All heavy atoms as atom14 arrays in JSON, in Angstrom:
{
  "sequence": "RKYAEARTQFIEMRQRFKPLVDLKNNPSTLAAFYETECLRKSGDLD",
  "atom14_mask": [
    [1, 1, 1, 1, 1, 1, 1, 1, 1, 1, 1, 0, 0, 0],
    [1, 1, 1, 1, 1, 1, 1, 1, 1, 0, 0, 0, 0, 0],
    [1, 1, 1, 1, 1, 1, 1, 1, 1, 1, 1, 1, 0, 0],
    [1, 1, 1, 1, 1, 0, 0, 0, 0, 0, 0, 0, 0, 0],
    [1, 1, 1, 1, 1, 1, 1, 1, 1, 0, 0, 0, 0, 0],
    [1, 1, 1, 1, 1, 0, 0, 0, 0, 0, 0, 0, 0, 0],
    [1, 1, 1, 1, 1, 1, 1, 1, 1, 1, 1, 0, 0, 0],
    [1, 1, 1, 1, 1, 1, 1, 0, 0, 0, 0, 0, 0, 0],
    [1, 1, 1, 1, 1, 1, 1, 1, 1, 0, 0, 0, 0, 0],
    [1, 1, 1, 1, 1, 1, 1, 1, 1, 1, 1, 0, 0, 0],
    [1, 1, 1, 1, 1, 1, 1, 1, 0, 0, 0, 0, 0, 0],
    [1, 1, 1, 1, 1, 1, 1, 1, 1, 0, 0, 0, 0, 0],
    [1, 1, 1, 1, 1, 1, 1, 1, 0, 0, 0, 0, 0, 0],
    [1, 1, 1, 1, 1, 1, 1, 1, 1, 1, 1, 0, 0, 0],
    [1, 1, 1, 1, 1, 1, 1, 1, 1, 0, 0, 0, 0, 0],
    [1, 1, 1, 1, 1, 1, 1, 1, 1, 1, 1, 0, 0, 0],
    [1, 1, 1, 1, 1, 1, 1, 1, 1, 1, 1, 0, 0, 0],
    [1, 1, 1, 1, 1, 1, 1, 1, 1, 0, 0, 0, 0, 0],
    [1, 1, 1, 1, 1, 1, 1, 0, 0, 0, 0, 0, 0, 0],
    [1, 1, 1, 1, 1, 1, 1, 1, 0, 0, 0, 0, 0, 0],
    [1, 1, 1, 1, 1, 1, 1, 0, 0, 0, 0, 0, 0, 0],
    [1, 1, 1, 1, 1, 1, 1, 1, 0, 0, 0, 0, 0, 0],
    [1, 1, 1, 1, 1, 1, 1, 1, 0, 0, 0, 0, 0, 0],
    [1, 1, 1, 1, 1, 1, 1, 1, 1, 0, 0, 0, 0, 0],
    [1, 1, 1, 1, 1, 1, 1, 1, 0, 0, 0, 0, 0, 0],
    [1, 1, 1, 1, 1, 1, 1, 1, 0, 0, 0, 0, 0, 0],
    [1, 1, 1, 1, 1, 1, 1, 0, 0, 0, 0, 0, 0, 0],
    [1, 1, 1, 1, 1, 1, 0, 0, 0, 0, 0, 0, 0, 0],
    [1, 1, 1, 1, 1, 1, 1, 0, 0, 0, 0, 0, 0, 0],
    [1, 1, 1, 1, 1, 1, 1, 1, 0, 0, 0, 0, 0, 0],
    [1, 1, 1, 1, 1, 0, 0, 0, 0, 0, 0, 0, 0, 0],
    [1, 1, 1, 1, 1, 0, 0, 0, 0, 0, 0, 0, 0, 0],
    [1, 1, 1, 1, 1, 1, 1, 1, 1, 1, 1, 0, 0, 0],
    [1, 1, 1, 1, 1, 1, 1, 1, 1, 1, 1, 1, 0, 0],
    [1, 1, 1, 1, 1, 1, 1, 1, 1, 0, 0, 0, 0, 0],
    [1, 1, 1, 1, 1, 1, 1, 0, 0, 0, 0, 0, 0, 0],
    [1, 1, 1, 1, 1, 1, 1, 1, 1, 0, 0, 0, 0, 0],
    [1, 1, 1, 1, 1, 1, 0, 0, 0, 0, 0, 0, 0, 0],
    [1, 1, 1, 1, 1, 1, 1, 1, 0, 0, 0, 0, 0, 0],
    [1, 1, 1, 1, 1, 1, 1, 1, 1, 1, 1, 0, 0, 0],
    [1, 1, 1, 1, 1, 1, 1, 1, 1, 0, 0, 0, 0, 0],
    [1, 1, 1, 1, 1, 1, 0, 0, 0, 0, 0, 0, 0, 0],
    [1, 1, 1, 1, 0, 0, 0, 0, 0, 0, 0, 0, 0, 0],
    [1, 1, 1, 1, 1, 1, 1, 1, 0, 0, 0, 0, 0, 0],
    [1, 1, 1, 1, 1, 1, 1, 1, 0, 0, 0, 0, 0, 0],
    [1, 1, 1, 1, 1, 1, 1, 1, 0, 0, 0, 0, 0, 0]
  ],
  "atom14_positions": [
    [[81.16, 83.63, 111.99], [82.16, 84.18, 112.92], [83.32, 83.22, 113.17], [83.94, 83.25, 114.23], [81.48, 84.59, 114.23], [80.41, 85.68, 114.08], [79.86, 86.13, 115.4], [78.98, 87.31, 115.26], [77.69, 87.24, 115.11], [77.07, 86.08, 115.11], [76.95, 88.35, 114.99], [0.0, 0.0, 0.0], [0.0, 0.0, 0.0], [0.0, 0.0, 0.0]],
    [[83.61, 82.39, 112.19], [84.78, 81.52, 112.25], [85.91, 82.2, 111.51], [86.32, 81.83, 110.42], [84.46, 80.14, 111.65], [83.35, 79.4, 112.39], [83.05, 78.08, 111.72], [81.92, 77.33, 112.5], [81.58, 76.05, 111.86], [0.0, 0.0, 0.0], [0.0, 0.0, 0.0], [0.0, 0.0, 0.0], [0.0, 0.0, 0.0], [0.0, 0.0, 0.0]],
    [[86.43, 83.26, 112.13], [87.29, 84.18, 111.41], [88.66, 83.59, 111.06], [89.2, 83.91, 110.01], [87.47, 85.47, 112.23], [86.17, 86.19, 112.47], [85.7, 86.46, 113.74], [85.36, 86.58, 111.39], [84.5, 87.12, 113.92], [84.14, 87.19, 111.57], [83.74, 87.47, 112.86], [82.52, 88.11, 113.04], [0.0, 0.0, 0.0], [0.0, 0.0, 0.0]],
    [[89.21, 82.76, 111.92], [90.52, 82.14, 111.59], [90.38, 81.25, 110.37], [91.22, 81.3, 109.45], [91.02, 81.35, 112.8], [0.0, 0.0, 0.0], [0.0, 0.0, 0.0], [0.0, 0.0, 0.0], [0.0, 0.0, 0.0], [0.0, 0.0, 0.0], [0.0, 0.0, 0.0], [0.0, 0.0, 0.0], [0.0, 0.0, 0.0], [0.0, 0.0, 0.0]],
    [[89.35, 80.42, 110.32], [89.15, 79.52, 109.18], [88.83, 80.33, 107.91], [89.33, 80.02, 106.83], [88.01, 78.55, 109.48], [88.28, 77.61, 110.64], [87.06, 76.78, 110.98], [86.49, 76.15, 110.05], [86.64, 76.76, 112.15], [0.0, 0.0, 0.0], [0.0, 0.0, 0.0], [0.0, 0.0, 0.0], [0.0, 0.0, 0.0], [0.0, 0.0, 0.0]],
    [[87.97, 81.34, 108.06], [87.61, 82.15, 106.91], [88.83, 82.86, 106.36], [89.04, 82.92, 105.14], [86.53, 83.16, 107.3], [0.0, 0.0, 0.0], [0.0, 0.0, 0.0], [0.0, 0.0, 0.0], [0.0, 0.0, 0.0], [0.0, 0.0, 0.0], [0.0, 0.0, 0.0], [0.0, 0.0, 0.0], [0.0, 0.0, 0.0], [0.0, 0.0, 0.0]],
    [[89.65, 83.39, 107.25], [90.84, 84.13, 106.8], [91.76, 83.23, 105.98], [92.32, 83.66, 104.97], [91.56, 84.73, 107.99], [92.77, 85.54, 107.57], [93.47, 86.16, 108.74], [94.72, 86.76, 108.3], [95.91, 86.52, 108.8], [96.03, 85.66, 109.82], [96.99, 87.11, 108.34], [0.0, 0.0, 0.0], [0.0, 0.0, 0.0], [0.0, 0.0, 0.0]],
    [[91.95, 82.0, 106.45], [92.78, 81.06, 105.68], [92.29, 80.91, 104.26], [93.06, 80.91, 103.3], [92.84, 79.71, 106.39], [93.42, 79.86, 107.68], [93.63, 78.69, 105.59], [0.0, 0.0, 0.0], [0.0, 0.0, 0.0], [0.0, 0.0, 0.0], [0.0, 0.0, 0.0], [0.0, 0.0, 0.0], [0.0, 0.0, 0.0], [0.0, 0.0, 0.0]],
    [[90.98, 80.78, 104.1], [90.41, 80.6, 102.78], [90.51, 81.91, 101.97], [90.76, 81.86, 100.75], [88.96, 80.14, 102.88], [88.84, 78.74, 103.45], [87.51, 78.1, 103.14], [86.76, 78.55, 102.29], [87.2, 77.04, 103.86], [0.0, 0.0, 0.0], [0.0, 0.0, 0.0], [0.0, 0.0, 0.0], [0.0, 0.0, 0.0], [0.0, 0.0, 0.0]],
    [[90.35, 83.04, 102.63], [90.45, 84.31, 101.89], [91.9, 84.51, 101.38], [92.12, 85.03, 100.3], [90.03, 85.47, 102.8], [88.56, 85.59, 103.0], [88.02, 85.76, 104.29], [87.69, 85.53, 101.92], [86.67, 85.87, 104.48], [86.31, 85.63, 102.11], [85.8, 85.81, 103.39], [0.0, 0.0, 0.0], [0.0, 0.0, 0.0], [0.0, 0.0, 0.0]],
    [[92.87, 84.11, 102.2], [94.27, 84.25, 101.75], [94.52, 83.38, 100.53], [95.18, 83.8, 99.56], [95.23, 83.85, 102.9], [95.17, 84.89, 104.02], [96.66, 83.7, 102.39], [95.95, 84.52, 105.27], [0.0, 0.0, 0.0], [0.0, 0.0, 0.0], [0.0, 0.0, 0.0], [0.0, 0.0, 0.0], [0.0, 0.0, 0.0], [0.0, 0.0, 0.0]],
    [[94.01, 82.16, 100.55], [94.17, 81.27, 99.4], [93.5, 81.84, 98.16], [94.05, 81.8, 97.05], [93.58, 79.89, 99.74], [94.35, 79.14, 100.8], [93.66, 77.84, 101.21], [92.54, 77.59, 100.71], [94.23, 77.1, 102.02], [0.0, 0.0, 0.0], [0.0, 0.0, 0.0], [0.0, 0.0, 0.0], [0.0, 0.0, 0.0], [0.0, 0.0, 0.0]],
    [[92.31, 82.42, 98.34], [91.61, 83.03, 97.22], [92.34, 84.25, 96.69], [92.41, 84.44, 95.47], [90.2, 83.47, 97.65], [89.18, 82.38, 97.75], [87.56, 83.1, 98.1], [87.41, 84.22, 96.71], [0.0, 0.0, 0.0], [0.0, 0.0, 0.0], [0.0, 0.0, 0.0], [0.0, 0.0, 0.0], [0.0, 0.0, 0.0], [0.0, 0.0, 0.0]],
    [[92.86, 85.04, 97.59], [93.59, 86.25, 97.17], [94.75, 85.88, 96.25], [95.0, 86.54, 95.24], [94.11, 86.98, 98.4], [95.05, 88.14, 98.07], [95.27, 89.04, 99.27], [95.73, 88.36, 100.45], [97.01, 88.01, 100.67], [97.93, 88.27, 99.77], [97.37, 87.41, 101.8], [0.0, 0.0, 0.0], [0.0, 0.0, 0.0], [0.0, 0.0, 0.0]],
    [[95.44, 84.82, 96.56], [96.57, 84.36, 95.73], [96.09, 83.69, 94.46], [96.62, 83.95, 93.38], [97.44, 83.39, 96.54], [98.15, 84.05, 97.74], [99.09, 85.13, 97.31], [99.71, 85.07, 96.25], [99.18, 86.18, 98.14], [0.0, 0.0, 0.0], [0.0, 0.0, 0.0], [0.0, 0.0, 0.0], [0.0, 0.0, 0.0], [0.0, 0.0, 0.0]],
    [[95.08, 82.87, 94.58], [94.61, 82.09, 93.42], [94.1, 83.0, 92.32], [94.34, 82.78, 91.13], [93.54, 81.12, 93.87], [92.98, 80.28, 92.71], [91.94, 79.3, 93.2], [91.47, 78.49, 92.09], [90.53, 77.55, 92.2], [90.0, 77.3, 93.37], [90.14, 76.88, 91.14], [0.0, 0.0, 0.0], [0.0, 0.0, 0.0], [0.0, 0.0, 0.0]],
    [[93.34, 84.04, 92.71], [92.7, 84.91, 91.71], [93.49, 86.19, 91.49], [92.97, 87.13, 90.87], [91.28, 85.24, 92.15], [90.35, 84.04, 92.14], [89.99, 83.43, 93.33], [89.86, 83.51, 90.95], [89.17, 82.31, 93.33], [89.04, 82.43, 90.93], [88.68, 81.8, 92.12], [0.0, 0.0, 0.0], [0.0, 0.0, 0.0], [0.0, 0.0, 0.0]],
    [[94.72, 86.24, 91.9], [95.54, 87.44, 91.75], [95.66, 87.9, 90.29], [95.71, 89.11, 90.02], [96.93, 87.19, 92.33], [97.74, 88.47, 92.51], [99.02, 88.17, 93.27], [99.81, 89.47, 93.49], [101.06, 89.19, 94.26], [0.0, 0.0, 0.0], [0.0, 0.0, 0.0], [0.0, 0.0, 0.0], [0.0, 0.0, 0.0], [0.0, 0.0, 0.0]],
    [[95.69, 86.98, 89.31], [95.74, 87.45, 87.9], [94.58, 88.33, 87.48], [94.65, 89.01, 86.47], [95.77, 86.14, 87.12], [96.39, 85.18, 88.03], [95.86, 85.52, 89.38], [0.0, 0.0, 0.0], [0.0, 0.0, 0.0], [0.0, 0.0, 0.0], [0.0, 0.0, 0.0], [0.0, 0.0, 0.0], [0.0, 0.0, 0.0], [0.0, 0.0, 0.0]],
    [[93.48, 88.32, 88.26], [92.32, 89.13, 87.91], [92.19, 90.37, 88.8], [91.16, 91.02, 88.85], [91.03, 88.28, 88.07], [90.98, 86.99, 87.26], [89.68, 86.26, 87.55], [91.13, 87.27, 85.76], [0.0, 0.0, 0.0], [0.0, 0.0, 0.0], [0.0, 0.0, 0.0], [0.0, 0.0, 0.0], [0.0, 0.0, 0.0], [0.0, 0.0, 0.0]],
    [[93.3, 90.75, 89.46], [93.24, 91.74, 90.5], [92.82, 93.11, 90.03], [92.33, 93.93, 90.82], [94.61, 91.83, 91.22], [95.65, 92.51, 90.35], [94.46, 92.56, 92.55], [0.0, 0.0, 0.0], [0.0, 0.0, 0.0], [0.0, 0.0, 0.0], [0.0, 0.0, 0.0], [0.0, 0.0, 0.0], [0.0, 0.0, 0.0], [0.0, 0.0, 0.0]],
    [[92.94, 93.4, 88.72], [92.57, 94.74, 88.23], [91.12, 94.86, 87.8], [90.7, 95.96, 87.42], [93.48, 95.15, 87.09], [94.91, 95.43, 87.53], [95.04, 96.03, 88.63], [95.84, 95.04, 86.83], [0.0, 0.0, 0.0], [0.0, 0.0, 0.0], [0.0, 0.0, 0.0], [0.0, 0.0, 0.0], [0.0, 0.0, 0.0], [0.0, 0.0, 0.0]],
    [[90.39, 93.76, 87.81], [88.97, 93.82, 87.44], [88.13, 94.4, 88.58], [88.42, 94.18, 89.75], [88.47, 92.43, 87.08], [89.17, 91.75, 85.91], [88.65, 90.32, 85.75], [88.94, 92.53, 84.62], [0.0, 0.0, 0.0], [0.0, 0.0, 0.0], [0.0, 0.0, 0.0], [0.0, 0.0, 0.0], [0.0, 0.0, 0.0], [0.0, 0.0, 0.0]],
    [[87.11, 95.11, 88.22], [86.2, 95.68, 89.25], [85.6, 94.54, 90.09], [85.08, 93.57, 89.54], [85.11, 96.52, 88.6], [85.63, 97.77, 87.91], [86.25, 98.72, 88.94], [86.73, 100.01, 88.26], [87.42, 100.92, 89.22], [0.0, 0.0, 0.0], [0.0, 0.0, 0.0], [0.0, 0.0, 0.0], [0.0, 0.0, 0.0], [0.0, 0.0, 0.0]],
    [[85.65, 94.71, 91.4], [85.08, 93.74, 92.34], [85.54, 92.31, 92.07], [84.79, 91.36, 92.21], [83.55, 93.8, 92.31], [83.02, 95.17, 92.72], [83.51, 95.76, 93.67], [82.07, 95.69, 91.97], [0.0, 0.0, 0.0], [0.0, 0.0, 0.0], [0.0, 0.0, 0.0], [0.0, 0.0, 0.0], [0.0, 0.0, 0.0], [0.0, 0.0, 0.0]],
    [[86.81, 92.21, 91.69], [87.35, 90.88, 91.41], [87.5, 90.07, 92.7], [87.64, 90.64, 93.8], [88.72, 91.01, 90.72], [89.76, 91.57, 91.65], [90.39, 90.84, 92.4], [89.94, 92.89, 91.61], [0.0, 0.0, 0.0], [0.0, 0.0, 0.0], [0.0, 0.0, 0.0], [0.0, 0.0, 0.0], [0.0, 0.0, 0.0], [0.0, 0.0, 0.0]],
    [[87.49, 88.75, 92.6], [87.51, 87.9, 93.82], [88.8, 88.02, 94.61], [88.8, 87.82, 95.82], [87.31, 86.5, 93.28], [87.64, 86.57, 91.83], [87.27, 87.94, 91.4], [0.0, 0.0, 0.0], [0.0, 0.0, 0.0], [0.0, 0.0, 0.0], [0.0, 0.0, 0.0], [0.0, 0.0, 0.0], [0.0, 0.0, 0.0], [0.0, 0.0, 0.0]],
    [[89.91, 88.36, 93.98], [91.17, 88.52, 94.72], [91.1, 89.7, 95.65], [91.44, 89.62, 96.84], [92.35, 88.69, 93.75], [93.56, 88.84, 94.49], [0.0, 0.0, 0.0], [0.0, 0.0, 0.0], [0.0, 0.0, 0.0], [0.0, 0.0, 0.0], [0.0, 0.0, 0.0], [0.0, 0.0, 0.0], [0.0, 0.0, 0.0], [0.0, 0.0, 0.0]],
    [[90.63, 90.84, 95.15], [90.51, 92.04, 95.98], [89.44, 91.88, 97.04], [89.61, 92.33, 98.19], [90.24, 93.28, 95.12], [91.27, 93.44, 94.16], [90.14, 94.54, 95.97], [0.0, 0.0, 0.0], [0.0, 0.0, 0.0], [0.0, 0.0, 0.0], [0.0, 0.0, 0.0], [0.0, 0.0, 0.0], [0.0, 0.0, 0.0], [0.0, 0.0, 0.0]],
    [[88.34, 91.24, 96.68], [87.3, 91.0, 97.67], [87.82, 90.1, 98.79], [87.55, 90.35, 99.97], [86.07, 90.35, 97.01], [85.21, 91.25, 96.13], [84.15, 90.44, 95.4], [84.54, 92.34, 96.98], [0.0, 0.0, 0.0], [0.0, 0.0, 0.0], [0.0, 0.0, 0.0], [0.0, 0.0, 0.0], [0.0, 0.0, 0.0], [0.0, 0.0, 0.0]],
    [[88.58, 89.08, 98.42], [89.15, 88.18, 99.44], [90.11, 88.94, 100.34], [90.14, 88.74, 101.55], [89.86, 87.01, 98.73], [0.0, 0.0, 0.0], [0.0, 0.0, 0.0], [0.0, 0.0, 0.0], [0.0, 0.0, 0.0], [0.0, 0.0, 0.0], [0.0, 0.0, 0.0], [0.0, 0.0, 0.0], [0.0, 0.0, 0.0], [0.0, 0.0, 0.0]],
    [[90.91, 89.84, 99.73], [91.86, 90.62, 100.52], [91.11, 91.54, 101.49], [91.53, 91.72, 102.64], [92.75, 91.46, 99.59], [0.0, 0.0, 0.0], [0.0, 0.0, 0.0], [0.0, 0.0, 0.0], [0.0, 0.0, 0.0], [0.0, 0.0, 0.0], [0.0, 0.0, 0.0], [0.0, 0.0, 0.0], [0.0, 0.0, 0.0], [0.0, 0.0, 0.0]],
    [[89.99, 92.11, 101.03], [89.21, 92.98, 101.9], [88.66, 92.19, 103.08], [88.77, 92.63, 104.25], [88.05, 93.61, 101.12], [87.04, 94.28, 102.01], [87.31, 95.54, 102.57], [85.84, 93.67, 102.32], [86.4, 96.15, 103.41], [84.91, 94.29, 103.17], [85.19, 95.52, 103.7], [0.0, 0.0, 0.0], [0.0, 0.0, 0.0], [0.0, 0.0, 0.0]],
    [[88.07, 91.04, 102.82], [87.47, 90.26, 103.91], [88.55, 89.6, 104.8], [88.26, 89.29, 105.97], [86.5, 89.21, 103.35], [85.18, 89.87, 103.03], [84.81, 90.13, 101.71], [84.3, 90.27, 104.03], [83.62, 90.78, 101.41], [83.12, 90.9, 103.75], [82.77, 91.15, 102.43], [81.59, 91.8, 102.15], [0.0, 0.0, 0.0], [0.0, 0.0, 0.0]],
    [[89.73, 89.48, 104.28], [90.85, 89.06, 105.14], [91.09, 90.13, 106.19], [91.28, 89.83, 107.38], [92.1, 88.84, 104.3], [93.32, 88.44, 105.09], [94.59, 88.42, 104.25], [94.5, 88.49, 103.01], [95.68, 88.36, 104.85], [0.0, 0.0, 0.0], [0.0, 0.0, 0.0], [0.0, 0.0, 0.0], [0.0, 0.0, 0.0], [0.0, 0.0, 0.0]],
    [[91.06, 91.41, 105.79], [91.24, 92.49, 106.75], [90.08, 92.53, 107.75], [90.29, 92.8, 108.95], [91.36, 93.87, 106.05], [90.09, 94.23, 105.45], [92.44, 93.88, 105.0], [0.0, 0.0, 0.0], [0.0, 0.0, 0.0], [0.0, 0.0, 0.0], [0.0, 0.0, 0.0], [0.0, 0.0, 0.0], [0.0, 0.0, 0.0], [0.0, 0.0, 0.0]],
    [[88.89, 92.22, 107.31], [87.74, 92.23, 108.19], [87.83, 91.11, 109.23], [87.44, 91.28, 110.4], [86.45, 92.1, 107.4], [85.99, 93.4, 106.78], [85.54, 94.4, 107.84], [86.4, 95.13, 108.34], [84.36, 94.42, 108.19], [0.0, 0.0, 0.0], [0.0, 0.0, 0.0], [0.0, 0.0, 0.0], [0.0, 0.0, 0.0], [0.0, 0.0, 0.0]],
    [[88.35, 89.95, 108.81], [88.54, 88.86, 109.76], [89.53, 89.28, 110.86], [89.32, 88.99, 112.05], [89.09, 87.63, 109.04], [87.87, 86.76, 108.04], [0.0, 0.0, 0.0], [0.0, 0.0, 0.0], [0.0, 0.0, 0.0], [0.0, 0.0, 0.0], [0.0, 0.0, 0.0], [0.0, 0.0, 0.0], [0.0, 0.0, 0.0], [0.0, 0.0, 0.0]],
    [[90.56, 89.98, 110.48], [91.56, 90.45, 111.45], [90.95, 91.47, 112.39], [91.16, 91.43, 113.61], [92.77, 91.04, 110.71], [93.63, 90.02, 109.96], [94.53, 90.73, 108.96], [94.45, 89.19, 110.94], [0.0, 0.0, 0.0], [0.0, 0.0, 0.0], [0.0, 0.0, 0.0], [0.0, 0.0, 0.0], [0.0, 0.0, 0.0], [0.0, 0.0, 0.0]],
    [[90.18, 92.41, 111.84], [89.56, 93.44, 112.68], [88.57, 92.82, 113.65], [88.58, 93.11, 114.85], [88.84, 94.47, 111.82], [88.15, 95.56, 112.64], [87.37, 96.53, 111.77], [86.23, 95.92, 111.12], [85.06, 95.68, 111.72], [84.88, 95.96, 113.0], [84.07, 95.12, 111.03], [0.0, 0.0, 0.0], [0.0, 0.0, 0.0], [0.0, 0.0, 0.0]],
    [[87.72, 91.96, 113.18], [86.69, 91.39, 114.02], [87.25, 90.47, 115.09], [86.66, 90.3, 116.15], [85.69, 90.63, 113.15], [84.71, 91.54, 112.39], [83.81, 90.76, 111.49], [82.72, 91.62, 110.86], [81.71, 92.04, 111.8], [0.0, 0.0, 0.0], [0.0, 0.0, 0.0], [0.0, 0.0, 0.0], [0.0, 0.0, 0.0], [0.0, 0.0, 0.0]],
    [[88.41, 89.87, 114.83], [89.04, 89.02, 115.84], [89.94, 89.82, 116.77], [90.58, 89.24, 117.66], [89.84, 87.9, 115.17], [90.84, 88.42, 114.31], [0.0, 0.0, 0.0], [0.0, 0.0, 0.0], [0.0, 0.0, 0.0], [0.0, 0.0, 0.0], [0.0, 0.0, 0.0], [0.0, 0.0, 0.0], [0.0, 0.0, 0.0], [0.0, 0.0, 0.0]],
    [[90.03, 91.14, 116.56], [90.78, 91.99, 117.45], [92.25, 92.06, 117.19], [93.02, 92.64, 117.98], [0.0, 0.0, 0.0], [0.0, 0.0, 0.0], [0.0, 0.0, 0.0], [0.0, 0.0, 0.0], [0.0, 0.0, 0.0], [0.0, 0.0, 0.0], [0.0, 0.0, 0.0], [0.0, 0.0, 0.0], [0.0, 0.0, 0.0], [0.0, 0.0, 0.0]],
    [[92.7, 91.56, 116.04], [94.12, 91.6, 115.7], [94.44, 92.87, 114.92], [94.53, 92.88, 113.69], [94.5, 90.35, 114.87], [95.99, 90.25, 114.58], [96.74, 91.18, 114.96], [96.4, 89.25, 113.95], [0.0, 0.0, 0.0], [0.0, 0.0, 0.0], [0.0, 0.0, 0.0], [0.0, 0.0, 0.0], [0.0, 0.0, 0.0], [0.0, 0.0, 0.0]],
    [[94.61, 93.98, 115.64], [94.83, 95.25, 114.98], [96.22, 95.36, 114.36], [96.39, 96.04, 113.35], [94.61, 96.41, 115.97], [93.18, 96.52, 116.53], [93.04, 97.76, 117.39], [92.14, 96.55, 115.41], [0.0, 0.0, 0.0], [0.0, 0.0, 0.0], [0.0, 0.0, 0.0], [0.0, 0.0, 0.0], [0.0, 0.0, 0.0], [0.0, 0.0, 0.0]],
    [[97.2, 94.69, 114.92], [98.52, 94.64, 114.3], [98.45, 93.93, 112.97], [99.04, 94.36, 111.97], [99.54, 93.97, 115.22], [99.9, 94.82, 116.43], [99.81, 96.06, 116.32], [100.31, 94.25, 117.45], [0.0, 0.0, 0.0], [0.0, 0.0, 0.0], [0.0, 0.0, 0.0], [0.0, 0.0, 0.0], [0.0, 0.0, 0.0], [0.0, 0.0, 0.0]]
  ]
}
């Protein structure tokens, strides 16, 4: 539940693995998904 720290790492991963973004369950898309979850769980709906 360290959502701010986790989100920072997910953002870095999303960018780092962006070249693989079209692969099924690729780490860039997974990181982008969990970035949204960090925002939701921390109450940042905007």
